Amino acid sequence: MSTATVDIAVAPAVDVATTEPVTRVEILDVLDDAFAVGPASRGQLVGVARAQGARAELVALLEELPDRQYVHQRQLWVHLPNVPVGL
């Protein structure tokens, strides 16, 4: 039997139940002005979300969108079909 001490790194517990899912309403609130001057690219949408202080989950969701021009917010839902409208 060894008496050596072992350092074990323990990741902090994440309470998944308290993390609310991103909703379409939240996305629309954050991207309210993103389409005001015309089509927006994925990068522009991500930039607007960050500038608005969007939570990391929403930014990560936008980063997964295909890299293309989006003329209207409705085009986002084609690529985000599982995002609920609201809670």
Protein backbone atom coordinates (compact mmCIF):
# COMPACT_ATOMS: atom_id res chain seq x y z
CA MET A 1 0.00 0.00 0.00
CA SER A 2 1.43 3.35 -1.09
CA THR A 3 1.39 6.39 1.18
CA ALA A 4 2.02 8.90 -1.63
CA THR A 5 -0.42 11.74 -1.82
CA VAL A 6 -2.38 12.17 -4.99
CA ASP A 7 -3.51 15.53 -6.33
CA ILE A 8 -6.92 15.21 -7.88
CA ALA A 9 -8.32 18.11 -9.79
CA VAL A 10 -12.04 18.30 -9.38
CA ALA A 11 -14.03 20.34 -11.85
CA PRO A 12 -16.61 22.61 -10.27
CA ALA A 13 -20.10 21.22 -10.38
CA VAL A 14 -22.34 22.80 -12.96
CA ASP A 15 -26.00 22.95 -12.12
CA VAL A 16 -27.50 22.21 -15.52
CA ALA A 17 -31.01 22.79 -14.20
CA THR A 18 -30.30 26.50 -13.63
CA THR A 19 -28.99 27.14 -17.16
CA GLU A 20 -31.93 28.36 -19.20
CA PRO A 21 -31.95 27.45 -22.88
CA VAL A 22 -31.49 30.17 -25.47
CA THR A 23 -34.82 31.15 -27.00
CA ARG A 24 -35.82 32.82 -30.26
CA VAL A 25 -37.18 35.76 -28.28
CA GLU A 26 -33.77 36.21 -26.63
CA ILE A 27 -32.00 36.01 -29.99
CA LEU A 28 -34.35 38.61 -31.47
CA ASP A 29 -33.84 40.92 -28.48
CA VAL A 30 -30.07 40.73 -28.86
CA LEU A 31 -30.04 41.04 -32.66
CA ASP A 32 -32.68 43.79 -32.76
CA ASP A 33 -30.54 46.21 -34.81
CA ALA A 34 -28.41 43.68 -36.69
CA PHE A 35 -30.54 43.84 -39.85
CA ALA A 36 -31.24 47.59 -39.78
CA VAL A 37 -28.75 48.41 -42.54
CA GLY A 38 -29.19 45.32 -44.70
CA PRO A 39 -28.03 41.71 -44.73
CA ALA A 40 -25.75 40.49 -41.95
CA SER A 41 -23.10 37.77 -42.01
CA ARG A 42 -22.59 35.20 -39.28
CA GLY A 43 -19.59 37.20 -38.08
CA GLN A 44 -21.62 40.38 -37.90
CA LEU A 45 -24.37 38.64 -35.95
CA VAL A 46 -21.83 37.26 -33.48
CA GLY A 47 -20.25 40.72 -33.17
CA VAL A 48 -23.60 42.36 -32.48
CA ALA A 49 -24.45 39.71 -29.89
CA ARG A 50 -21.14 40.23 -28.09
CA ALA A 51 -21.54 44.02 -28.23
CA GLN A 52 -25.01 43.66 -26.67
CA GLY A 53 -23.58 41.56 -23.84
CA ALA A 54 -25.33 38.35 -24.88
CA ARG A 55 -24.66 35.33 -22.76
CA ALA A 56 -22.05 32.83 -23.91
CA GLU A 57 -24.64 30.19 -24.83
CA LEU A 58 -26.31 32.53 -27.31
CA VAL A 59 -22.99 33.61 -28.86
CA ALA A 60 -21.94 29.96 -29.22
CA LEU A 61 -25.23 29.16 -30.94
CA LEU A 62 -24.73 31.99 -33.44
CA GLU A 63 -21.15 30.84 -34.09
CA GLU A 64 -22.57 27.50 -35.28
CA LEU A 65 -24.63 29.14 -38.05
CA PRO A 66 -23.45 28.61 -41.63
CA ASP A 67 -21.17 31.40 -42.82
CA ARG A 68 -23.45 33.29 -45.20
CA GLN A 69 -25.47 36.49 -45.49
CA TYR A 70 -28.79 36.60 -43.65
CA VAL A 71 -31.30 39.07 -45.08
CA HIS A 72 -33.89 38.66 -42.33
CA GLN A 73 -34.10 37.15 -38.86
CA ARG A 74 -36.52 34.50 -40.09
CA GLN A 75 -33.66 32.91 -42.04
CA LEU A 76 -31.95 32.05 -38.76
CA TRP A 77 -34.70 29.62 -37.74
CA VAL A 78 -33.93 27.35 -40.72
CA HIS A 79 -30.55 26.67 -39.10
CA LEU A 80 -31.82 26.79 -35.51
CA PRO A 81 -34.95 24.62 -35.67
CA ASN A 82 -34.66 23.29 -32.12
CA VAL A 83 -34.44 26.69 -30.44
CA PRO A 84 -37.71 27.25 -28.57
CA VAL A 85 -39.73 30.43 -29.15
CA GLY A 86 -39.85 31.25 -25.45
CA LEU A 87 -40.12 29.68 -22.05
